[in-house]
Amino acid sequence: MTDAQAVRSLVNFRDLGGLRTGDGREIRRGVLYRSDNPHLADDADVRLLTAEYRVADVIDLRSRRELDAEGWHAGFSPAARVHHFPIAGGPGTAIEAAPTGERLAARYLEYLDDYAPSVVGAVETVASGAEGAVVVHCRAGKDRTGVVIAMILEAVGVREEDIVADFARTTAAMKQIMAALRASPTYAANTARLPEEMYRSDAPTMSAFLAKLRGRGGAAQWLTEHGMSTTAVGALTDRLVG
């Protein structure tokens, strides 16, 4: 049973298990998932996530405005803990100065600059979970989720090509994601005014972000410089890498 076959009401849900590290190991299966907003899943899928997928921690990266508009699914309680680490979506200011084709990677760096406590808090929550699995999400599961997942994977040594390929997998879901965003009063305005590249999930975007991240010392260094202990970084590796 694959995640795509099982969780039918989500279009961008997947297991990060199987991604390879530079030393030949793999991310454990059934421990770390990424997703579009699971609080919009139907009741049956929420039960599936908590029972079959053993999701015990839900990391929500939506802004307060988004949370107020769409809420949380009550079905996650009491089986799972929901953690809110807000990162504002939308255009930000970085895209105004960035050249065409580099706007999205610039926006991703802005997440690190403007929302470091949320990024660190999300990664620490993944590191500290002892039982069950964790799912990281925003609304579409592409940008904010993509950055936090990339930080996690890079910090534990996953190969760049695997991080990039996973990011690009969201492309298959973008038609359905965009239809939902255009129909939503919360997101419709941005979809109408932002450049098309902001709603793509192309491999070069993640490659560019990772290159800029390496220029800052890499994910592990960035995390420790912004308050995460080296012990927690080690715990992250212990939890995720088989």
Protein backbone atom coordinates (compact mmCIF):
# COMPACT_ATOMS: atom_id res chain seq x y z
CA MET A 1 0.00 0.00 0.00
CA THR A 2 1.55 3.32 -1.06
CA ASP A 3 0.78 6.68 0.50
CA ALA A 4 -0.71 7.96 -2.78
CA GLN A 5 -3.15 5.05 -2.95
CA ALA A 6 -4.13 5.19 0.67
CA VAL A 7 -4.57 8.86 1.57
CA ARG A 8 -7.03 9.74 -1.16
CA SER A 9 -8.18 13.18 0.01
CA LEU A 10 -4.63 14.63 -0.01
CA VAL A 11 -2.79 15.24 -3.27
CA ASN A 12 0.73 15.98 -2.04
CA PHE A 13 1.26 13.52 0.82
CA ARG A 14 4.32 11.28 0.79
CA ASP A 15 6.82 9.37 2.89
CA LEU A 16 10.40 10.65 2.82
CA GLY A 17 11.63 7.15 3.60
CA GLY A 18 14.13 5.70 1.17
CA LEU A 19 15.96 8.92 0.34
CA ARG A 20 19.70 8.22 0.38
CA THR A 21 22.44 9.78 2.43
CA GLY A 22 25.93 10.46 1.18
CA ASP A 23 27.32 7.54 3.16
CA GLY A 24 24.91 5.02 1.64
CA ARG A 25 22.23 4.86 4.33
CA GLU A 26 18.56 5.77 3.88
CA ILE A 27 15.85 7.75 5.64
CA ARG A 28 13.70 5.31 7.58
CA ARG A 29 10.28 4.63 6.15
CA GLY A 30 7.19 5.52 8.11
CA VAL A 31 8.85 8.19 10.26
CA LEU A 32 8.75 11.48 8.31
CA TYR A 33 5.97 12.55 5.96
CA ARG A 34 5.30 15.78 4.06
CA SER A 35 1.87 16.89 2.92
CA ASP A 36 -0.55 19.48 1.71
CA ASN A 37 -2.91 20.58 4.47
CA PRO A 38 -4.03 17.39 6.30
CA HIS A 39 -6.63 19.36 8.24
CA LEU A 40 -8.65 19.44 5.01
CA ALA A 41 -8.51 15.65 4.67
CA ASP A 42 -11.69 13.69 5.12
CA ASP A 43 -12.40 11.93 8.39
CA ALA A 44 -11.46 8.50 7.04
CA ASP A 45 -8.02 9.70 5.95
CA VAL A 46 -7.35 11.42 9.27
CA ARG A 47 -8.13 8.12 11.00
CA LEU A 48 -5.83 6.39 8.53
CA LEU A 49 -3.00 8.83 9.26
CA THR A 50 -3.23 8.37 13.02
CA ALA A 51 -3.93 4.62 13.03
CA GLU A 52 -2.10 3.10 10.06
CA TYR A 53 0.60 5.71 9.51
CA ARG A 54 1.00 6.26 13.26
CA VAL A 55 1.23 10.05 12.91
CA ALA A 56 1.84 11.33 16.44
CA ASP A 57 3.05 14.85 15.61
CA VAL A 58 1.62 17.27 13.05
CA ILE A 59 3.81 20.29 12.26
CA ASP A 60 1.69 23.10 10.84
CA LEU A 61 3.63 25.87 9.05
CA ARG A 62 0.62 27.96 8.01
CA SER A 63 0.32 31.55 9.15
CA ARG A 64 -2.08 32.59 11.87
CA ARG A 65 -4.40 34.04 9.23
CA GLU A 66 -4.50 30.75 7.36
CA LEU A 67 -5.07 28.81 10.56
CA ASP A 68 -7.95 31.08 11.55
CA ALA A 69 -9.50 30.65 8.10
CA GLU A 70 -9.20 26.88 7.73
CA GLY A 71 -8.63 25.57 11.25
CA TRP A 72 -7.40 22.21 12.50
CA HIS A 73 -9.07 18.83 12.05
CA ALA A 74 -10.37 17.69 15.42
CA GLY A 75 -9.79 14.09 14.40
CA PHE A 76 -6.07 14.35 15.10
CA SER A 77 -6.74 14.68 18.82
CA PRO A 78 -5.93 12.91 21.10
CA ALA A 79 -3.81 10.57 18.95
CA ALA A 80 -1.54 13.32 17.60
CA ARG A 81 -0.06 16.56 18.87
CA VAL A 82 -0.47 19.55 16.56
CA HIS A 83 2.42 22.05 16.65
CA HIS A 84 2.07 25.50 15.09
CA PHE A 85 5.24 27.10 13.71
CA PRO A 86 3.92 29.91 11.53
CA ILE A 87 5.66 31.03 8.36
CA ALA A 88 3.87 33.57 6.19
CA GLY A 89 3.26 32.44 2.63
CA GLY A 90 2.60 34.80 -0.22
CA PRO A 91 5.09 36.99 -2.05
CA GLY A 92 7.29 38.46 0.68
CA THR A 93 9.75 41.13 -0.47
CA ALA A 94 12.61 39.02 -1.83
CA ILE A 95 10.95 38.37 -5.18
CA GLU A 96 10.88 42.08 -6.04
CA ALA A 97 14.66 42.24 -6.41
CA ALA A 98 15.29 38.70 -7.63
CA PRO A 99 15.62 38.07 -11.36
CA THR A 100 13.09 35.95 -13.19
CA GLY A 101 13.76 32.28 -12.53
CA GLU A 102 15.35 32.95 -9.15
CA ARG A 103 12.40 34.47 -7.30
CA LEU A 104 11.26 31.33 -5.55
CA ALA A 105 14.71 30.41 -4.26
CA ALA A 106 15.07 33.99 -2.99
CA ARG A 107 11.75 33.64 -1.19
CA TYR A 108 12.97 30.43 0.43
CA LEU A 109 16.01 32.21 1.85
CA GLU A 110 13.65 34.85 3.19
CA TYR A 111 11.88 32.17 5.21
CA LEU A 112 15.19 31.47 6.95
CA ASP A 113 15.87 35.15 7.53
CA ASP A 114 12.40 36.14 8.75
CA TYR A 115 11.09 32.97 10.41
CA ALA A 116 14.14 31.32 11.95
CA PRO A 117 12.35 30.44 15.23
CA SER A 118 9.63 28.60 13.32
CA VAL A 119 12.10 26.72 11.12
CA VAL A 120 14.21 25.71 14.13
CA GLY A 121 11.15 24.81 16.19
CA ALA A 122 9.80 22.58 13.44
CA VAL A 123 13.11 20.76 13.02
CA GLU A 124 13.54 20.37 16.79
CA THR A 125 10.08 18.82 17.00
CA VAL A 126 11.04 16.23 14.40
CA ALA A 127 14.24 15.51 16.30
CA SER A 128 12.52 15.12 19.68
CA GLY A 129 9.68 12.83 18.65
CA ALA A 130 10.14 9.42 20.22
CA GLU A 131 7.10 7.38 19.19
CA GLY A 132 5.16 7.35 15.98
CA ALA A 133 5.64 9.44 12.87
CA VAL A 134 5.58 13.14 12.08
CA VAL A 135 3.97 14.98 9.17
CA VAL A 136 5.13 18.45 8.09
CA HIS A 137 2.70 20.60 6.12
CA CYS A 138 1.64 24.07 5.06
CA ARG A 139 -1.25 24.62 2.62
CA ALA A 140 0.07 23.14 -0.62
CA GLY A 141 3.03 21.30 0.89
CA LYS A 142 5.39 22.90 -1.61
CA ASP A 143 7.22 26.02 -0.42
CA ARG A 144 7.30 26.33 3.37
CA THR A 145 7.10 22.57 3.72
CA GLY A 146 9.72 22.21 1.02
CA VAL A 147 12.16 24.47 2.87
CA VAL A 148 11.72 22.80 6.27
CA ILE A 149 12.00 19.34 4.72
CA ALA A 150 15.11 20.39 2.78
CA MET A 151 16.67 21.71 5.98
CA ILE A 152 15.95 18.42 7.76
CA LEU A 153 17.24 16.25 4.93
CA GLU A 154 20.37 18.33 4.29
CA ALA A 155 21.16 18.40 8.01
CA VAL A 156 21.18 14.59 8.23
CA GLY A 157 23.26 14.16 5.08
CA VAL A 158 20.73 13.24 2.39
CA ARG A 159 22.21 13.57 -1.08
CA GLU A 160 21.39 16.76 -2.94
CA GLU A 161 19.98 14.90 -5.91
CA ASP A 162 17.51 13.10 -3.66
CA ILE A 163 16.39 16.33 -1.97
CA VAL A 164 15.92 17.99 -5.35
CA ALA A 165 14.06 15.02 -6.83
CA ASP A 166 11.68 14.88 -3.87
CA PHE A 167 10.94 18.60 -4.21
CA ALA A 168 10.15 18.14 -7.89
CA ARG A 169 7.64 15.38 -7.11
CA THR A 170 5.14 18.05 -6.10
CA THR A 171 4.86 19.01 -9.79
CA ALA A 172 2.52 16.07 -10.34
CA ALA A 173 0.05 17.53 -7.85
CA MET A 174 0.21 21.18 -8.91
CA LYS A 175 -2.82 21.15 -11.21
CA GLN A 176 -5.06 19.97 -8.38
CA ILE A 177 -3.35 22.24 -5.86
CA MET A 178 -3.81 25.32 -8.04
CA ALA A 179 -7.48 24.55 -8.66
CA ALA A 180 -8.05 24.39 -4.90
CA LEU A 181 -6.10 27.60 -4.23
CA ARG A 182 -7.97 29.54 -6.93
CA ALA A 183 -11.27 28.41 -5.43
CA SER A 184 -10.30 29.46 -1.90
CA PRO A 185 -11.05 32.97 -0.60
CA THR A 186 -7.92 32.67 1.54
CA TYR A 187 -5.53 32.11 -1.39
CA ALA A 188 -7.27 33.26 -4.58
CA ALA A 189 -5.86 36.81 -4.56
CA ASN A 190 -2.24 35.67 -4.50
CA THR A 191 -2.76 33.11 -7.25
CA ALA A 192 -4.10 35.87 -9.48
CA ARG A 193 -1.24 38.34 -8.97
CA LEU A 194 1.98 36.39 -8.37
CA PRO A 195 4.30 35.28 -11.19
CA GLU A 196 3.70 31.78 -12.52
CA GLU A 197 7.11 30.61 -11.32
CA MET A 198 5.94 31.04 -7.73
CA TYR A 199 3.50 28.20 -8.29
CA ARG A 200 5.94 25.73 -9.78
CA SER A 201 8.02 23.02 -8.16
CA ASP A 202 10.95 22.78 -10.53
CA ALA A 203 14.17 21.01 -9.60
CA PRO A 204 16.43 24.04 -10.37
CA THR A 205 14.62 26.04 -7.67
CA MET A 206 15.63 23.60 -4.94
CA SER A 207 19.13 23.26 -6.40
CA ALA A 208 19.51 27.04 -6.22
CA PHE A 209 18.25 27.15 -2.65
CA LEU A 210 20.63 24.40 -1.54
CA ALA A 211 23.55 26.19 -3.19
CA LYS A 212 22.70 29.36 -1.28
CA LEU A 213 22.27 27.34 1.91
CA ARG A 214 25.74 25.84 1.48
CA GLY A 215 27.02 29.40 1.19
CA ARG A 216 25.72 29.88 4.74
CA GLY A 217 27.49 26.76 5.98
CA GLY A 218 24.75 24.20 5.33
CA ALA A 219 21.62 23.28 7.23
CA ALA A 220 23.24 21.85 10.37
CA GLN A 221 25.40 24.92 10.86
CA TRP A 222 22.50 27.28 10.19
CA LEU A 223 20.30 25.43 12.70
CA THR A 224 22.91 25.51 15.46
CA GLU A 225 23.66 29.17 14.78
CA HIS A 226 19.95 29.88 15.31
CA GLY A 227 19.48 28.06 18.59
CA MET A 228 19.32 24.32 17.91
CA SER A 229 21.81 22.32 19.95
CA THR A 230 24.31 19.97 18.36
CA THR A 231 22.76 17.26 20.52
CA ALA A 232 19.39 17.88 18.87
CA VAL A 233 20.98 17.73 15.42
CA GLY A 234 22.45 14.37 16.37
CA ALA A 235 19.06 13.22 17.66
CA LEU A 236 17.53 14.21 14.33
CA THR A 237 19.96 11.93 12.52
CA ASP A 238 19.42 9.10 15.00
CA ARG A 239 15.65 9.29 14.50
CA LEU A 240 15.59 9.53 10.73
CA VAL A 241 18.60 7.69 9.32
CA GLY A 242 18.66 3.92 9.23
